């Protein structure tokens, strides 16, 4: 898997964190807990794009693509269809999973509110975003329960606590 990470130079993402390593670990953990674990060792190249930016940039993207003129912690823009995810074990052209965008100010505020380290909260959001790229959502109780269970298992792979217990 190839990870393309872009960190907005105008934003103060903690420079002591290896964001590329964190993003790749989170994505691999999410993939392992998805219906497509073979993506981690796909016969074709798999690419994922991560953007760490500002609330303002995320607000603009959220307004343009979701019609919500406000920042949010994470946005996901899937590019692969379910059949492409299933066929990743077959050699072929590069498979672009999609883009995940995190908003720094919102991530920092949420981490502080939950008494979490920023990189732990960001890992959760990266797992969450990766699962969205793989077709998971939380639009109803059943899909939300499934997605949250996958997140919890993926975070356990990273040595992180269940964020839903912490929040409760």
Protein backbone atom coordinates (compact mmCIF):
# COMPACT_ATOMS: atom_id res chain seq x y z
CA UNK A 1 0.00 0.00 0.00
CA UNK A 2 1.25 3.44 -0.90
CA UNK A 3 0.35 6.38 1.28
CA UNK A 4 0.40 9.93 -0.06
CA UNK A 5 0.33 12.32 2.90
CA UNK A 6 0.09 16.09 2.68
CA UNK A 7 0.48 18.27 5.76
CA UNK A 8 -0.65 21.88 5.43
CA UNK A 9 2.50 23.91 6.13
CA UNK A 10 0.43 26.74 7.64
CA UNK A 11 -1.02 24.45 10.30
CA UNK A 12 0.77 23.32 13.46
CA UNK A 13 0.37 19.56 13.32
CA UNK A 14 2.60 18.16 16.08
CA UNK A 15 6.02 17.79 14.46
CA UNK A 16 7.08 15.15 16.98
CA UNK A 17 4.53 12.73 15.50
CA UNK A 18 5.43 10.66 12.46
CA UNK A 19 2.10 11.32 10.75
CA UNK A 20 2.86 9.14 7.72
CA UNK A 21 3.64 6.16 9.93
CA UNK A 22 0.56 6.78 12.08
CA UNK A 23 -1.68 7.09 9.00
CA UNK A 24 -0.32 3.92 7.43
CA UNK A 25 -0.69 1.95 10.68
CA UNK A 26 -4.26 3.20 11.13
CA UNK A 27 -5.19 2.41 7.52
CA UNK A 28 -3.68 -1.08 7.72
CA UNK A 29 -5.52 -1.78 11.00
CA UNK A 30 -8.82 -0.63 9.47
CA UNK A 31 -8.23 -2.75 6.36
CA UNK A 32 -7.46 -5.78 8.51
CA UNK A 33 -10.83 -5.38 10.26
CA UNK A 34 -12.78 -4.80 7.06
CA UNK A 35 -14.34 -7.22 4.62
CA UNK A 36 -11.27 -6.63 2.42
CA UNK A 37 -8.22 -7.67 4.49
CA UNK A 38 -6.48 -8.87 1.32
CA UNK A 39 -6.02 -5.21 0.33
CA UNK A 40 -3.04 -5.10 2.69
CA UNK A 41 -1.24 -7.58 0.43
CA UNK A 42 -3.02 -6.85 -2.82
CA UNK A 43 -1.62 -8.12 -6.11
CA UNK A 44 -2.04 -4.62 -7.50
CA UNK A 45 -0.79 -1.31 -6.11
CA UNK A 46 -3.19 0.30 -3.61
CA UNK A 47 -2.96 4.01 -2.85
CA UNK A 48 -4.51 6.14 -0.12
CA UNK A 49 -4.26 9.91 0.20
CA UNK A 50 -4.24 11.68 3.59
CA UNK A 51 -4.46 15.46 4.01
CA UNK A 52 -3.83 17.10 7.38
CA UNK A 53 -5.11 20.65 7.15
CA UNK A 54 -7.14 23.40 8.82
CA UNK A 55 -10.73 23.71 9.95
CA UNK A 56 -11.20 26.37 7.27
CA UNK A 57 -10.10 24.03 4.47
CA UNK A 58 -12.30 21.22 5.80
CA UNK A 59 -15.21 23.66 6.17
CA UNK A 60 -14.86 24.60 2.49
CA UNK A 61 -14.71 20.94 1.41
CA UNK A 62 -17.64 20.04 3.65
CA UNK A 63 -19.70 22.89 2.18
CA UNK A 64 -18.82 21.98 -1.41
CA UNK A 65 -19.23 18.19 -1.21
CA UNK A 66 -21.72 17.64 1.60
CA UNK A 67 -23.66 20.93 1.66
CA UNK A 68 -22.65 21.53 5.30
CA UNK A 69 -20.96 24.90 5.78
CA UNK A 70 -19.01 24.01 8.91
CA UNK A 71 -15.82 22.19 9.78
CA UNK A 72 -15.84 18.57 10.86
CA UNK A 73 -13.09 16.37 12.25
CA UNK A 74 -12.66 14.04 9.26
CA UNK A 75 -13.89 13.84 5.68
CA UNK A 76 -13.56 10.79 3.45
CA UNK A 77 -13.80 10.76 -0.31
CA UNK A 78 -13.98 7.15 -1.55
CA UNK A 79 -12.82 6.44 -5.08
CA UNK A 80 -12.97 2.63 -5.29
CA UNK A 81 -16.14 0.67 -5.94
CA UNK A 82 -16.96 -2.49 -3.97
CA UNK A 83 -16.15 -4.75 -6.94
CA UNK A 84 -12.73 -3.09 -7.27
CA UNK A 85 -12.04 -3.72 -3.58
CA UNK A 86 -13.00 -7.37 -3.99
CA UNK A 87 -10.84 -7.75 -7.13
CA UNK A 88 -7.71 -6.21 -5.54
CA UNK A 89 -6.21 -9.68 -5.17
CA UNK A 90 -6.07 -9.88 -8.96
CA UNK A 91 -3.14 -8.11 -10.65
CA UNK A 92 -4.17 -4.92 -12.37
CA UNK A 93 -3.79 -1.16 -12.44
CA UNK A 94 -3.33 0.88 -9.29
CA UNK A 95 -6.37 1.00 -7.02
CA UNK A 96 -6.98 4.41 -5.49
CA UNK A 97 -8.97 3.95 -2.27
CA UNK A 98 -9.61 7.67 -1.89
CA UNK A 99 -8.81 10.67 0.26
CA UNK A 100 -9.08 11.31 3.99
CA UNK A 101 -8.90 14.89 5.26
CA UNK A 102 -8.44 15.84 8.94
CA UNK A 103 -9.09 19.30 10.41
CA UNK A 104 -6.44 20.26 12.95
CA UNK A 105 -8.34 22.68 15.18
CA UNK A 106 -11.31 20.35 15.50
CA UNK A 107 -9.06 17.35 16.16
CA UNK A 108 -7.12 19.27 18.82
CA UNK A 109 -10.31 20.51 20.52
CA UNK A 110 -11.89 17.05 20.53
CA UNK A 111 -8.73 15.40 21.84
CA UNK A 112 -8.57 17.94 24.69
CA UNK A 113 -12.27 17.47 25.50
CA UNK A 114 -11.79 13.69 25.64
CA UNK A 115 -8.47 13.95 27.51
CA UNK A 116 -6.71 12.08 24.68
CA UNK A 117 -3.36 12.60 23.02
CA UNK A 118 -3.81 14.25 19.63
CA UNK A 119 -2.13 11.42 17.74
CA UNK A 120 -4.39 8.81 19.43
CA UNK A 121 -7.51 10.75 18.47
CA UNK A 122 -6.15 11.26 14.95
CA UNK A 123 -5.48 7.51 14.70
CA UNK A 124 -9.15 6.88 15.51
CA UNK A 125 -10.26 9.38 12.88
CA UNK A 126 -7.92 7.82 10.30
CA UNK A 127 -9.34 4.35 11.06
CA UNK A 128 -12.85 5.81 10.80
CA UNK A 129 -12.02 7.53 7.52
CA UNK A 130 -10.42 4.42 6.05
CA UNK A 131 -13.51 2.37 6.87
CA UNK A 132 -15.61 4.96 5.03
CA UNK A 133 -13.32 4.51 2.00
CA UNK A 134 -14.03 0.78 2.21
CA UNK A 135 -17.79 1.31 2.07
CA UNK A 136 -18.74 1.39 5.75
CA UNK A 137 -21.06 4.03 7.16
CA UNK A 138 -23.07 4.89 10.24
CA UNK A 139 -26.35 5.98 8.68
CA UNK A 140 -28.51 3.71 10.82
CA UNK A 141 -28.14 1.76 14.05
CA UNK A 142 -27.07 -1.51 12.42
CA UNK A 143 -24.41 -0.02 10.16
CA UNK A 144 -23.18 2.27 12.95
CA UNK A 145 -22.83 -0.68 15.32
CA UNK A 146 -20.90 -2.68 12.72
CA UNK A 147 -18.60 0.22 11.86
CA UNK A 148 -17.93 1.07 15.51
CA UNK A 149 -17.08 -2.59 16.28
CA UNK A 150 -14.60 -2.60 13.39
CA UNK A 151 -13.09 0.68 14.64
CA UNK A 152 -12.70 -0.71 18.17
CA UNK A 153 -10.96 -3.85 16.87
CA UNK A 154 -8.70 -1.80 14.57
CA UNK A 155 -7.75 0.54 17.40
CA UNK A 156 -7.01 -2.44 19.65
CA UNK A 157 -4.53 -3.58 16.97
CA UNK A 158 -2.83 -0.19 17.51
CA UNK A 159 -2.89 -0.56 21.30
CA UNK A 160 -5.56 2.12 21.71
CA UNK A 161 -8.60 2.01 23.97
CA UNK A 162 -12.20 1.81 22.83
CA UNK A 163 -13.09 5.48 22.16
CA UNK A 164 -16.79 4.78 22.61
CA UNK A 165 -16.28 3.50 26.18
CA UNK A 166 -14.09 6.49 26.97
CA UNK A 167 -16.78 8.81 25.59
CA UNK A 168 -19.58 7.13 27.56
